[in-house]
């Protein structure tokens, strides 16, 4: 399989991950930047049937965006 990001081939995902989680992971592997911002987080949560409030999105960003750069990287997600 050809991966758009060099590091993507090194990621081993547990087969027990829920489909919704795998969908979100796919965003990181095949997205334009390799990370997601608050707008993309909301979009993909909504696509997965989760409709968070603005406050809930802000809380998620605070918890996941460890370096406070406004984006959640694969590494930040995986640590979480």
N, C-alpha and C. Protein backbone atom coordinates (compact mmCIF):
# COMPACT_ATOMS: atom_id res chain seq x y z
N UNK A 1 0.84 -1.18 0.00
CA UNK A 1 0.00 0.00 0.00
C UNK A 1 0.88 1.24 0.00
N UNK A 2 0.50 2.21 -0.77
CA UNK A 2 1.25 3.47 -0.84
C UNK A 2 0.64 4.47 0.14
N UNK A 3 1.47 5.06 0.98
CA UNK A 3 1.00 6.02 1.98
C UNK A 3 1.41 7.43 1.57
N UNK A 4 0.49 8.40 1.73
CA UNK A 4 0.79 9.77 1.34
C UNK A 4 1.77 10.44 2.29
N UNK A 5 1.98 9.90 3.47
CA UNK A 5 2.91 10.47 4.44
C UNK A 5 3.93 9.40 4.80
N UNK A 6 5.21 9.75 4.84
CA UNK A 6 6.24 8.74 5.14
C UNK A 6 6.02 8.00 6.44
N UNK A 7 5.52 8.70 7.45
CA UNK A 7 5.35 8.07 8.75
C UNK A 7 4.12 7.19 8.83
N UNK A 8 3.21 7.31 7.87
CA UNK A 8 1.95 6.57 7.94
C UNK A 8 2.16 5.06 7.88
N UNK A 9 3.16 4.61 7.15
CA UNK A 9 3.39 3.18 7.05
C UNK A 9 3.93 2.59 8.34
N UNK A 10 4.38 3.42 9.27
CA UNK A 10 4.95 2.94 10.52
C UNK A 10 3.91 2.83 11.63
N UNK A 11 2.68 3.22 11.35
CA UNK A 11 1.63 3.22 12.37
C UNK A 11 0.92 1.88 12.35
N UNK A 12 0.87 1.25 13.49
CA UNK A 12 0.15 0.00 13.64
C UNK A 12 -1.08 0.26 14.50
N UNK A 13 -2.25 0.13 13.90
CA UNK A 13 -3.49 0.40 14.61
C UNK A 13 -4.07 -0.90 15.15
N UNK A 14 -4.48 -0.89 16.41
CA UNK A 14 -5.12 -2.08 16.97
C UNK A 14 -6.41 -2.40 16.21
N UNK A 15 -6.66 -3.66 15.89
CA UNK A 15 -7.87 -4.01 15.14
C UNK A 15 -9.15 -3.77 15.92
N UNK A 16 -9.05 -3.56 17.23
CA UNK A 16 -10.24 -3.37 18.04
C UNK A 16 -10.74 -1.93 18.08
N UNK A 17 -10.05 -1.02 17.39
CA UNK A 17 -10.50 0.38 17.38
C UNK A 17 -11.88 0.48 16.74
N UNK A 18 -12.78 1.25 17.34
CA UNK A 18 -14.11 1.43 16.74
C UNK A 18 -14.00 2.09 15.36
N UNK A 19 -14.96 1.80 14.51
CA UNK A 19 -14.97 2.34 13.16
C UNK A 19 -14.91 3.86 13.17
N UNK A 20 -15.59 4.51 14.10
CA UNK A 20 -15.56 5.97 14.16
C UNK A 20 -14.14 6.48 14.43
N UNK A 21 -13.42 5.79 15.29
CA UNK A 21 -12.05 6.19 15.60
C UNK A 21 -11.18 5.98 14.37
N UNK A 22 -11.35 4.88 13.68
CA UNK A 22 -10.57 4.63 12.47
C UNK A 22 -10.85 5.68 11.41
N UNK A 23 -12.09 6.15 11.33
CA UNK A 23 -12.43 7.21 10.38
C UNK A 23 -11.66 8.48 10.71
N UNK A 24 -11.61 8.83 11.98
CA UNK A 24 -10.87 10.02 12.39
C UNK A 24 -9.38 9.85 12.13
N UNK A 25 -8.85 8.67 12.41
CA UNK A 25 -7.44 8.40 12.15
C UNK A 25 -7.14 8.55 10.66
N UNK A 26 -8.04 8.11 9.83
CA UNK A 26 -7.84 8.21 8.38
C UNK A 26 -7.67 9.67 7.94
N UNK A 27 -8.36 10.58 8.63
CA UNK A 27 -8.22 12.00 8.34
C UNK A 27 -6.76 12.43 8.51
N UNK A 28 -6.14 11.99 9.60
CA UNK A 28 -4.75 12.34 9.84
C UNK A 28 -3.82 11.72 8.80
N UNK A 29 -4.11 10.50 8.41
CA UNK A 29 -3.22 9.82 7.46
C UNK A 29 -3.33 10.40 6.06
N UNK A 30 -4.51 10.84 5.67
CA UNK A 30 -4.73 11.26 4.29
C UNK A 30 -5.11 12.72 4.13
N UNK A 31 -5.19 13.45 5.23
CA UNK A 31 -5.54 14.86 5.16
C UNK A 31 -4.41 15.69 4.57
N UNK A 32 -4.69 16.94 4.31
CA UNK A 32 -3.71 17.82 3.69
C UNK A 32 -2.53 18.14 4.61
N UNK A 33 -2.80 18.35 5.89
CA UNK A 33 -1.74 18.83 6.77
C UNK A 33 -1.19 17.78 7.72
N UNK A 34 -1.87 16.67 7.87
CA UNK A 34 -1.44 15.67 8.83
C UNK A 34 -1.90 15.99 10.24
N UNK A 35 -2.69 17.04 10.39
CA UNK A 35 -3.27 17.42 11.68
C UNK A 35 -4.63 18.03 11.39
N UNK A 36 -5.42 18.23 12.45
CA UNK A 36 -6.73 18.85 12.24
C UNK A 36 -6.88 20.06 13.16
N UNK A 37 -7.59 21.06 12.66
CA UNK A 37 -7.86 22.25 13.45
C UNK A 37 -9.28 22.15 14.02
N UNK A 38 -9.70 23.17 14.73
CA UNK A 38 -10.99 23.14 15.42
C UNK A 38 -12.15 22.98 14.43
N UNK A 39 -12.06 23.61 13.29
CA UNK A 39 -13.12 23.50 12.28
C UNK A 39 -13.22 22.06 11.76
N UNK A 40 -12.06 21.47 11.47
CA UNK A 40 -12.05 20.09 10.98
C UNK A 40 -12.50 19.11 12.07
N UNK A 41 -12.13 19.38 13.31
CA UNK A 41 -12.56 18.52 14.42
C UNK A 41 -14.08 18.51 14.51
N UNK A 42 -14.69 19.69 14.46
CA UNK A 42 -16.15 19.78 14.51
C UNK A 42 -16.77 19.04 13.32
N UNK A 43 -16.26 19.27 12.13
CA UNK A 43 -16.80 18.65 10.92
C UNK A 43 -16.79 17.13 11.04
N UNK A 44 -15.66 16.57 11.45
CA UNK A 44 -15.56 15.12 11.49
C UNK A 44 -16.34 14.51 12.65
N UNK A 45 -16.42 15.20 13.77
CA UNK A 45 -17.28 14.71 14.85
C UNK A 45 -18.74 14.67 14.40
N UNK A 46 -19.16 15.71 13.71
CA UNK A 46 -20.53 15.75 13.21
C UNK A 46 -20.77 14.66 12.18
N UNK A 47 -19.79 14.38 11.33
CA UNK A 47 -19.92 13.30 10.35
C UNK A 47 -20.05 11.95 11.04
N UNK A 48 -19.51 11.84 12.25
CA UNK A 48 -19.59 10.59 13.00
C UNK A 48 -20.81 10.56 13.91
N UNK A 49 -21.69 11.57 13.80
CA UNK A 49 -22.92 11.58 14.56
C UNK A 49 -22.82 12.20 15.94
N UNK A 50 -21.72 12.92 16.19
CA UNK A 50 -21.52 13.60 17.47
C UNK A 50 -21.65 15.10 17.21
N UNK A 51 -22.52 15.78 17.96
CA UNK A 51 -22.78 17.19 17.72
C UNK A 51 -22.43 18.00 18.96
N UNK A 52 -21.14 18.28 19.14
CA UNK A 52 -20.69 18.99 20.34
C UNK A 52 -21.01 20.48 20.29
N UNK A 53 -21.18 21.04 21.49
CA UNK A 53 -21.37 22.48 21.60
C UNK A 53 -20.03 23.18 21.38
N UNK A 54 -20.06 24.49 21.24
CA UNK A 54 -18.83 25.26 21.10
C UNK A 54 -17.94 25.08 22.31
N UNK A 55 -18.54 25.04 23.50
CA UNK A 55 -17.77 24.84 24.73
C UNK A 55 -17.12 23.45 24.76
N UNK A 56 -17.85 22.45 24.31
CA UNK A 56 -17.30 21.09 24.28
C UNK A 56 -16.13 20.98 23.30
N UNK A 57 -16.25 21.63 22.16
CA UNK A 57 -15.15 21.64 21.19
C UNK A 57 -13.93 22.33 21.80
N UNK A 58 -14.15 23.45 22.48
CA UNK A 58 -13.04 24.17 23.12
C UNK A 58 -12.37 23.29 24.17
N UNK A 59 -13.15 22.56 24.93
CA UNK A 59 -12.60 21.66 25.94
C UNK A 59 -11.79 20.54 25.29
N UNK A 60 -12.31 19.98 24.21
CA UNK A 60 -11.57 18.95 23.49
C UNK A 60 -10.23 19.48 22.98
N UNK A 61 -10.27 20.67 22.41
CA UNK A 61 -9.02 21.25 21.91
C UNK A 61 -8.02 21.47 23.04
N UNK A 62 -8.50 21.94 24.18
CA UNK A 62 -7.60 22.13 25.33
C UNK A 62 -6.97 20.82 25.76
N UNK A 63 -7.75 19.75 25.73
CA UNK A 63 -7.26 18.45 26.17
C UNK A 63 -6.33 17.80 25.15
N UNK A 64 -6.62 17.98 23.87
CA UNK A 64 -5.88 17.28 22.82
C UNK A 64 -4.71 18.06 22.24
N UNK A 65 -4.84 19.37 22.15
CA UNK A 65 -3.80 20.20 21.54
C UNK A 65 -2.72 20.51 22.59
N UNK A 66 -1.85 19.57 22.81
CA UNK A 66 -0.88 19.65 23.90
C UNK A 66 0.11 20.80 23.75
N UNK A 67 0.47 21.16 22.52
CA UNK A 67 1.43 22.25 22.34
C UNK A 67 0.75 23.59 22.03
N UNK A 68 -0.57 23.62 22.11
CA UNK A 68 -1.36 24.85 21.93
C UNK A 68 -1.09 25.59 20.63
N UNK A 69 -0.89 24.82 19.55
CA UNK A 69 -0.66 25.46 18.25
C UNK A 69 -1.94 25.60 17.42
N UNK A 70 -3.09 25.20 18.01
CA UNK A 70 -4.36 25.33 17.31
C UNK A 70 -4.69 24.14 16.43
N UNK A 71 -3.87 23.10 16.45
CA UNK A 71 -4.11 21.90 15.67
C UNK A 71 -3.80 20.68 16.51
N UNK A 72 -4.49 19.58 16.20
CA UNK A 72 -4.23 18.32 16.88
C UNK A 72 -3.46 17.44 15.90
N UNK A 73 -2.24 17.13 16.27
CA UNK A 73 -1.42 16.26 15.42
C UNK A 73 -1.72 14.80 15.73
N UNK A 74 -1.24 13.92 14.88
CA UNK A 74 -1.38 12.49 15.13
C UNK A 74 -0.77 12.13 16.47
N UNK A 75 0.39 12.66 16.76
CA UNK A 75 1.09 12.34 18.00
C UNK A 75 0.27 12.78 19.22
N UNK A 76 -0.32 13.96 19.15
CA UNK A 76 -1.14 14.44 20.26
C UNK A 76 -2.37 13.55 20.45
N UNK A 77 -2.98 13.16 19.36
CA UNK A 77 -4.15 12.28 19.42
C UNK A 77 -3.76 10.93 20.05
N UNK A 78 -2.67 10.38 19.61
CA UNK A 78 -2.25 9.05 20.07
C UNK A 78 -1.91 9.07 21.57
N UNK A 79 -1.30 10.15 22.04
CA UNK A 79 -0.99 10.27 23.47
C UNK A 79 -2.28 10.32 24.27
N UNK A 80 -3.28 11.01 23.74
CA UNK A 80 -4.55 11.16 24.42
C UNK A 80 -5.22 9.81 24.55
